[in-house]
Amino acid sequence: MSVTLTDQDKITLRTAAYGAVSLLAAAGATGSPHKVATEGSIALASATGLVGHVLAEKSTGMDLSGKTVAELADRVLPALAASVNLLRRQAPAEADNFRSTVLVAVEAATRAQKGEPSPTMADMTRKITEALDAA
């Protein structure tokens, strides 16, 4: 079965995945946001299958700008649910792959913090997981 994703579909997937890592980096800003972002991005880059191919492409078209974490969350959290729904319609196994890939990236990003994740980071992790599950 061949799956064809439009350029906009790919942008949505990349916005969701890399945006989730960006949200965690912003939420963990009291620690090392660079390390959080790096560890999460490495996990995303290790994805396989269709999801891996999409996430490995050059990340043009993503809009992860915003002056606040809330503005970023307003873009990313709906994109997470939209990505899972999109993949569920076109390639159900890839929907599970996407969800697992994002959750592995979230775990890698939170492990980058020394000690326990901050309450803010734990809350952001919960919101990301809920957005994935909402689909």
N, C-alpha and C. Protein backbone atom coordinates (compact mmCIF):
# COMPACT_ATOMS: atom_id res chain seq x y z
N MET A 1 0.83 -1.17 0.00
CA MET A 1 0.00 0.00 0.00
C MET A 1 0.88 1.24 0.00
N SER A 2 0.67 2.10 -0.95
CA SER A 2 1.44 3.32 -1.07
C SER A 2 0.68 4.48 -0.43
N VAL A 3 1.38 5.27 0.33
CA VAL A 3 0.77 6.42 1.00
C VAL A 3 1.40 7.68 0.41
N THR A 4 0.56 8.60 0.00
CA THR A 4 1.05 9.87 -0.53
C THR A 4 0.60 10.98 0.40
N LEU A 5 1.56 11.70 0.93
CA LEU A 5 1.26 12.83 1.79
C LEU A 5 1.55 14.12 1.03
N THR A 6 0.68 15.08 1.17
CA THR A 6 0.91 16.38 0.54
C THR A 6 2.02 17.11 1.30
N ASP A 7 2.52 18.17 0.70
CA ASP A 7 3.53 18.97 1.39
C ASP A 7 2.96 19.52 2.69
N GLN A 8 1.69 19.94 2.68
CA GLN A 8 1.08 20.46 3.90
C GLN A 8 0.96 19.38 4.96
N ASP A 9 0.64 18.15 4.56
CA ASP A 9 0.58 17.03 5.51
C ASP A 9 1.94 16.85 6.19
N LYS A 10 2.99 16.90 5.40
CA LYS A 10 4.34 16.73 5.94
C LYS A 10 4.70 17.86 6.89
N ILE A 11 4.32 19.07 6.54
CA ILE A 11 4.58 20.22 7.42
C ILE A 11 3.85 20.03 8.75
N THR A 12 2.61 19.53 8.68
CA THR A 12 1.84 19.29 9.90
C THR A 12 2.53 18.26 10.78
N LEU A 13 3.01 17.17 10.19
CA LEU A 13 3.71 16.14 10.96
C LEU A 13 4.98 16.68 11.60
N ARG A 14 5.77 17.43 10.82
CA ARG A 14 7.02 17.99 11.37
C ARG A 14 6.72 19.05 12.43
N THR A 15 5.72 19.88 12.20
CA THR A 15 5.35 20.89 13.19
C THR A 15 4.95 20.22 14.51
N ALA A 16 4.18 19.17 14.41
CA ALA A 16 3.72 18.46 15.60
C ALA A 16 4.90 17.83 16.35
N ALA A 17 5.72 17.08 15.66
CA ALA A 17 6.81 16.35 16.31
C ALA A 17 7.88 17.28 16.87
N TYR A 18 8.41 18.15 16.01
CA TYR A 18 9.46 19.06 16.47
C TYR A 18 8.90 20.13 17.40
N GLY A 19 7.63 20.47 17.22
CA GLY A 19 6.99 21.41 18.12
C GLY A 19 6.84 20.84 19.52
N ALA A 20 6.56 19.55 19.63
CA ALA A 20 6.46 18.91 20.94
C ALA A 20 7.79 19.02 21.68
N VAL A 21 8.87 18.78 20.96
CA VAL A 21 10.20 18.90 21.57
C VAL A 21 10.47 20.35 21.95
N SER A 22 10.07 21.28 21.12
CA SER A 22 10.26 22.70 21.42
C SER A 22 9.47 23.12 22.66
N LEU A 23 8.26 22.59 22.79
CA LEU A 23 7.46 22.89 23.98
C LEU A 23 8.16 22.39 25.25
N LEU A 24 8.74 21.21 25.18
CA LEU A 24 9.44 20.68 26.34
C LEU A 24 10.69 21.50 26.65
N ALA A 25 11.39 21.92 25.61
CA ALA A 25 12.57 22.76 25.83
C ALA A 25 12.17 24.07 26.50
N ALA A 26 11.07 24.66 26.06
CA ALA A 26 10.60 25.91 26.66
C ALA A 26 10.13 25.67 28.10
N ALA A 27 9.47 24.56 28.33
CA ALA A 27 8.97 24.25 29.67
C ALA A 27 10.11 23.93 30.63
N GLY A 28 11.20 23.41 30.11
CA GLY A 28 12.35 23.07 30.94
C GLY A 28 13.43 24.13 30.91
N ALA A 29 13.03 25.35 30.63
CA ALA A 29 14.00 26.44 30.43
C ALA A 29 14.87 26.70 31.64
N THR A 30 14.44 26.30 32.83
CA THR A 30 15.29 26.53 34.00
C THR A 30 16.46 25.56 34.04
N GLY A 31 16.36 24.46 33.31
CA GLY A 31 17.45 23.50 33.23
C GLY A 31 18.33 23.82 32.05
N SER A 32 18.34 22.94 31.09
CA SER A 32 19.14 23.13 29.89
C SER A 32 18.25 22.94 28.67
N PRO A 33 17.59 24.01 28.20
CA PRO A 33 16.68 23.85 27.06
C PRO A 33 17.38 23.33 25.82
N HIS A 34 18.65 23.68 25.63
CA HIS A 34 19.39 23.19 24.46
C HIS A 34 19.54 21.68 24.52
N LYS A 35 19.89 21.15 25.68
CA LYS A 35 20.05 19.70 25.83
C LYS A 35 18.70 18.99 25.66
N VAL A 36 17.64 19.57 26.20
CA VAL A 36 16.30 19.00 26.04
C VAL A 36 15.95 18.91 24.56
N ALA A 37 16.15 20.02 23.84
CA ALA A 37 15.83 20.05 22.41
C ALA A 37 16.71 19.09 21.62
N THR A 38 17.98 19.02 21.97
CA THR A 38 18.90 18.13 21.25
C THR A 38 18.51 16.67 21.44
N GLU A 39 18.28 16.26 22.67
CA GLU A 39 17.94 14.86 22.94
C GLU A 39 16.61 14.48 22.28
N GLY A 40 15.63 15.37 22.35
CA GLY A 40 14.35 15.10 21.70
C GLY A 40 14.47 15.02 20.20
N SER A 41 15.25 15.92 19.61
CA SER A 41 15.44 15.94 18.15
C SER A 41 16.18 14.70 17.66
N ILE A 42 17.16 14.25 18.44
CA ILE A 42 17.88 13.02 18.06
C ILE A 42 16.91 11.85 18.04
N ALA A 43 16.03 11.79 19.01
CA ALA A 43 15.03 10.71 19.05
C ALA A 43 14.12 10.78 17.83
N LEU A 44 13.70 11.99 17.44
CA LEU A 44 12.85 12.13 16.25
C LEU A 44 13.59 11.71 15.00
N ALA A 45 14.86 12.04 14.92
CA ALA A 45 15.66 11.70 13.74
C ALA A 45 15.89 10.20 13.60
N SER A 46 15.66 9.45 14.67
CA SER A 46 15.87 8.00 14.60
C SER A 46 14.60 7.25 14.19
N ALA A 47 13.54 7.97 13.89
CA ALA A 47 12.28 7.33 13.49
C ALA A 47 12.46 6.54 12.19
N THR A 48 11.63 5.53 12.05
CA THR A 48 11.68 4.69 10.85
C THR A 48 10.36 4.79 10.09
N GLY A 49 10.30 4.10 8.97
CA GLY A 49 9.08 4.06 8.18
C GLY A 49 8.75 5.40 7.55
N LEU A 50 7.51 5.55 7.17
CA LEU A 50 7.05 6.78 6.55
C LEU A 50 7.31 7.98 7.46
N VAL A 51 7.03 7.82 8.73
CA VAL A 51 7.25 8.91 9.69
C VAL A 51 8.71 9.32 9.70
N GLY A 52 9.60 8.35 9.70
CA GLY A 52 11.03 8.64 9.69
C GLY A 52 11.45 9.42 8.46
N HIS A 53 10.91 9.04 7.32
CA HIS A 53 11.24 9.76 6.07
C HIS A 53 10.75 11.20 6.13
N VAL A 54 9.55 11.41 6.63
CA VAL A 54 9.00 12.77 6.70
C VAL A 54 9.80 13.61 7.69
N LEU A 55 10.10 13.06 8.87
CA LEU A 55 10.81 13.84 9.87
C LEU A 55 12.26 14.12 9.47
N ALA A 56 12.81 13.29 8.61
CA ALA A 56 14.20 13.48 8.18
C ALA A 56 14.34 14.55 7.09
N GLU A 57 13.24 14.88 6.42
CA GLU A 57 13.30 15.89 5.37
C GLU A 57 13.60 17.26 5.96
N LYS A 58 14.13 18.13 5.12
CA LYS A 58 14.41 19.49 5.56
C LYS A 58 13.14 20.13 6.10
N SER A 59 13.26 20.77 7.22
CA SER A 59 12.09 21.29 7.93
C SER A 59 11.66 22.67 7.45
N THR A 60 11.33 22.77 6.19
CA THR A 60 10.83 24.05 5.69
C THR A 60 9.33 24.13 5.90
N GLY A 61 8.85 25.33 6.10
CA GLY A 61 7.41 25.54 6.21
C GLY A 61 6.85 25.45 7.61
N MET A 62 7.64 24.94 8.56
CA MET A 62 7.14 24.85 9.94
C MET A 62 7.09 26.25 10.54
N ASP A 63 6.06 26.50 11.32
CA ASP A 63 5.96 27.78 12.02
C ASP A 63 5.95 27.49 13.51
N LEU A 64 7.12 27.55 14.11
CA LEU A 64 7.23 27.33 15.55
C LEU A 64 7.58 28.64 16.26
N SER A 65 7.18 29.74 15.63
CA SER A 65 7.44 31.04 16.25
C SER A 65 6.37 31.35 17.28
N GLY A 66 6.64 32.30 18.07
CA GLY A 66 5.70 32.72 19.10
C GLY A 66 6.48 33.36 20.23
N LYS A 67 5.85 34.30 20.87
CA LYS A 67 6.52 35.00 21.96
C LYS A 67 6.33 34.30 23.29
N THR A 68 5.38 33.38 23.36
CA THR A 68 5.11 32.69 24.61
C THR A 68 4.97 31.19 24.35
N VAL A 69 5.11 30.44 25.43
CA VAL A 69 4.89 28.99 25.33
C VAL A 69 3.44 28.73 24.94
N ALA A 70 2.53 29.55 25.43
CA ALA A 70 1.11 29.37 25.11
C ALA A 70 0.86 29.51 23.61
N GLU A 71 1.51 30.47 22.96
CA GLU A 71 1.35 30.64 21.50
C GLU A 71 1.88 29.42 20.76
N LEU A 72 3.00 28.90 21.22
CA LEU A 72 3.56 27.70 20.59
C LEU A 72 2.64 26.51 20.81
N ALA A 73 2.13 26.37 22.02
CA ALA A 73 1.22 25.26 22.33
C ALA A 73 -0.05 25.34 21.48
N ASP A 74 -0.52 26.56 21.21
CA ASP A 74 -1.72 26.72 20.38
C ASP A 74 -1.51 26.20 18.96
N ARG A 75 -0.28 26.13 18.49
CA ARG A 75 0.02 25.57 17.16
C ARG A 75 0.29 24.08 17.25
N VAL A 76 1.08 23.70 18.25
CA VAL A 76 1.60 22.34 18.30
C VAL A 76 0.59 21.31 18.77
N LEU A 77 -0.14 21.59 19.84
CA LEU A 77 -1.05 20.58 20.37
C LEU A 77 -2.13 20.18 19.37
N PRO A 78 -2.76 21.12 18.66
CA PRO A 78 -3.71 20.69 17.62
C PRO A 78 -3.02 19.94 16.47
N ALA A 79 -1.78 20.31 16.16
CA ALA A 79 -1.05 19.62 15.09
C ALA A 79 -0.76 18.17 15.47
N LEU A 80 -0.54 17.91 16.75
CA LEU A 80 -0.32 16.52 17.20
C LEU A 80 -1.56 15.67 16.93
N ALA A 81 -2.71 16.16 17.34
CA ALA A 81 -3.96 15.42 17.10
C ALA A 81 -4.24 15.30 15.61
N ALA A 82 -4.02 16.37 14.86
CA ALA A 82 -4.27 16.34 13.42
C ALA A 82 -3.35 15.34 12.73
N SER A 83 -2.12 15.23 13.18
CA SER A 83 -1.16 14.30 12.58
C SER A 83 -1.60 12.86 12.79
N VAL A 84 -1.99 12.54 14.01
CA VAL A 84 -2.44 11.17 14.28
C VAL A 84 -3.69 10.86 13.47
N ASN A 85 -4.64 11.79 13.40
CA ASN A 85 -5.86 11.57 12.62
C ASN A 85 -5.55 11.39 11.14
N LEU A 86 -4.67 12.22 10.61
CA LEU A 86 -4.27 12.14 9.21
C LEU A 86 -3.67 10.77 8.91
N LEU A 87 -2.75 10.34 9.74
CA LEU A 87 -2.10 9.05 9.50
C LEU A 87 -3.06 7.89 9.74
N ARG A 88 -3.97 8.02 10.68
CA ARG A 88 -4.94 6.95 10.93
C ARG A 88 -5.80 6.71 9.69
N ARG A 89 -6.13 7.79 8.98
CA ARG A 89 -6.95 7.65 7.76
C ARG A 89 -6.14 7.03 6.63
N GLN A 90 -4.87 7.40 6.51
CA GLN A 90 -4.09 6.98 5.35
C GLN A 90 -3.22 5.75 5.59
N ALA A 91 -2.70 5.60 6.79
CA ALA A 91 -1.79 4.48 7.09
C ALA A 91 -1.84 4.22 8.60
N PRO A 92 -2.81 3.45 9.06
CA PRO A 92 -3.01 3.25 10.50
C PRO A 92 -1.75 2.84 11.28
N ALA A 93 -0.93 1.98 10.70
CA ALA A 93 0.29 1.57 11.40
C ALA A 93 1.23 2.76 11.60
N GLU A 94 1.23 3.66 10.65
CA GLU A 94 2.09 4.84 10.77
C GLU A 94 1.57 5.81 11.83
N ALA A 95 0.27 5.79 12.10
CA ALA A 95 -0.27 6.62 13.18
C ALA A 95 0.32 6.16 14.51
N ASP A 96 0.38 4.86 14.70
CA ASP A 96 1.00 4.31 15.92
C ASP A 96 2.49 4.62 15.95
N ASN A 97 3.14 4.53 14.80
CA ASN A 97 4.57 4.83 14.71
C ASN A 97 4.82 6.30 15.08
N PHE A 98 3.98 7.20 14.57
CA PHE A 98 4.13 8.62 14.88
C PHE A 98 3.95 8.86 16.37
N ARG A 99 2.90 8.31 16.93
CA ARG A 99 2.63 8.49 18.36
C ARG A 99 3.80 7.97 19.19
N SER A 100 4.27 6.77 18.88
CA SER A 100 5.40 6.19 19.61
C SER A 100 6.66 7.02 19.46
N THR A 101 6.91 7.51 18.25
CA THR A 101 8.10 8.31 17.99
C THR A 101 8.07 9.59 18.82
N VAL A 102 6.93 10.27 18.86
CA VAL A 102 6.83 11.50 19.64
C VAL A 102 6.99 11.19 21.13
N LEU A 103 6.41 10.11 21.60
CA LEU A 103 6.54 9.76 23.02
C LEU A 103 7.97 9.39 23.39
N VAL A 104 8.69 8.73 22.49
CA VAL A 104 10.11 8.44 22.74
C VAL A 104 10.90 9.74 22.79
N ALA A 105 10.59 10.67 21.91
CA ALA A 105 11.27 11.97 21.91
C ALA A 105 10.97 12.74 23.20
N VAL A 106 9.73 12.66 23.66
CA VAL A 106 9.35 13.32 24.92
C VAL A 106 10.13 12.72 26.07
N GLU A 107 10.22 11.39 26.10
CA GLU A 107 10.96 10.73 27.17
C GLU A 107 12.45 11.11 27.12
N ALA A 108 13.02 11.11 25.93
CA ALA A 108 14.43 11.49 25.79
C ALA A 108 14.65 12.93 26.23
N ALA A 109 13.73 13.80 25.87
CA ALA A 109 13.87 15.21 26.24
C ALA A 109 13.76 15.40 27.76
N THR A 110 12.84 14.69 28.39
CA THR A 110 12.68 14.85 29.84
C THR A 110 13.84 14.22 30.60
N ARG A 111 14.45 13.17 30.05
CA ARG A 111 15.63 12.57 30.70
C ARG A 111 16.83 13.50 30.64
N ALA A 112 16.82 14.45 29.71
CA ALA A 112 17.93 15.38 29.58
C ALA A 112 18.04 16.31 30.79
N GLN A 113 16.94 16.44 31.52
CA GLN A 113 16.93 17.24 32.75
C GLN A 113 17.62 16.46 33.86
N LYS A 114 18.34 17.15 34.69
CA LYS A 114 18.93 16.49 35.86
C LYS A 114 17.84 16.36 36.92
N GLY A 115 17.75 15.20 37.52
CA GLY A 115 16.74 14.98 38.55
C GLY A 115 15.36 14.81 37.94
N GLU A 116 14.37 15.03 38.77
CA GLU A 116 12.98 14.90 38.34
C GLU A 116 12.59 16.07 37.44
N PRO A 117 11.72 15.82 36.45
CA PRO A 117 11.24 16.94 35.63
C PRO A 117 10.50 17.96 36.50
N SER A 118 10.62 19.20 36.12
CA SER A 118 9.91 20.26 36.84
C SER A 118 8.41 20.06 36.69
N PRO A 119 7.61 20.64 37.58
CA PRO A 119 6.16 20.54 37.42
C PRO A 119 5.69 21.08 36.07
N THR A 120 6.34 22.13 35.58
CA THR A 120 5.96 22.70 34.29
C THR A 120 6.23 21.71 33.17
N MET A 121 7.39 21.07 33.24
CA MET A 121 7.74 20.10 32.20
C MET A 121 6.82 18.87 32.28
N ALA A 122 6.52 18.43 33.48
CA ALA A 122 5.61 17.29 33.65
C ALA A 122 4.22 17.63 33.10
N ASP A 123 3.77 18.85 33.33
CA ASP A 123 2.47 19.27 32.82
C ASP A 123 2.48 19.32 31.29
N MET A 124 3.57 19.81 30.72
CA MET A 124 3.66 19.88 29.25
C MET A 124 3.68 18.46 28.66
N THR A 125 4.38 17.55 29.32
CA THR A 125 4.40 16.16 28.87
C THR A 125 2.98 15.58 28.87
N ARG A 126 2.23 15.89 29.91
CA ARG A 126 0.84 15.41 30.00
C ARG A 126 0.01 15.99 28.87
N LYS A 127 0.16 17.28 28.58
CA LYS A 127 -0.62 17.92 27.51
C LYS A 127 -0.27 17.33 26.14
N ILE A 128 1.00 17.03 25.92
CA ILE A 128 1.43 16.42 24.65
C ILE A 128 0.80 15.04 24.51
N THR A 129 0.86 14.26 25.56
CA THR A 129 0.29 12.91 25.53
C THR A 129 -1.23 12.97 25.32
N GLU A 130 -1.90 13.90 25.98
CA GLU A 130 -3.34 14.05 25.81
C GLU A 130 -3.69 14.45 24.38
N ALA A 131 -2.89 15.31 23.78
CA ALA A 131 -3.14 15.71 22.38
C ALA A 131 -2.99 14.52 21.44
N LEU A 132 -2.00 13.69 21.69
CA LEU A 132 -1.82 12.49 20.86
C LEU A 132 -2.99 11.52 21.05
N ASP A 133 -3.44 11.41 22.28
CA ASP A 133 -4.54 10.48 22.59
C ASP A 133 -5.90 11.01 22.16
N ALA A 134 -6.03 12.33 22.04
CA ALA A 134 -7.31 12.93 21.64
C ALA A 134 -7.72 12.49 20.23
N ALA A 135 -6.73 12.18 19.43
CA ALA A 135 -7.02 11.73 18.07
C ALA A 135 -7.64 10.37 18.12
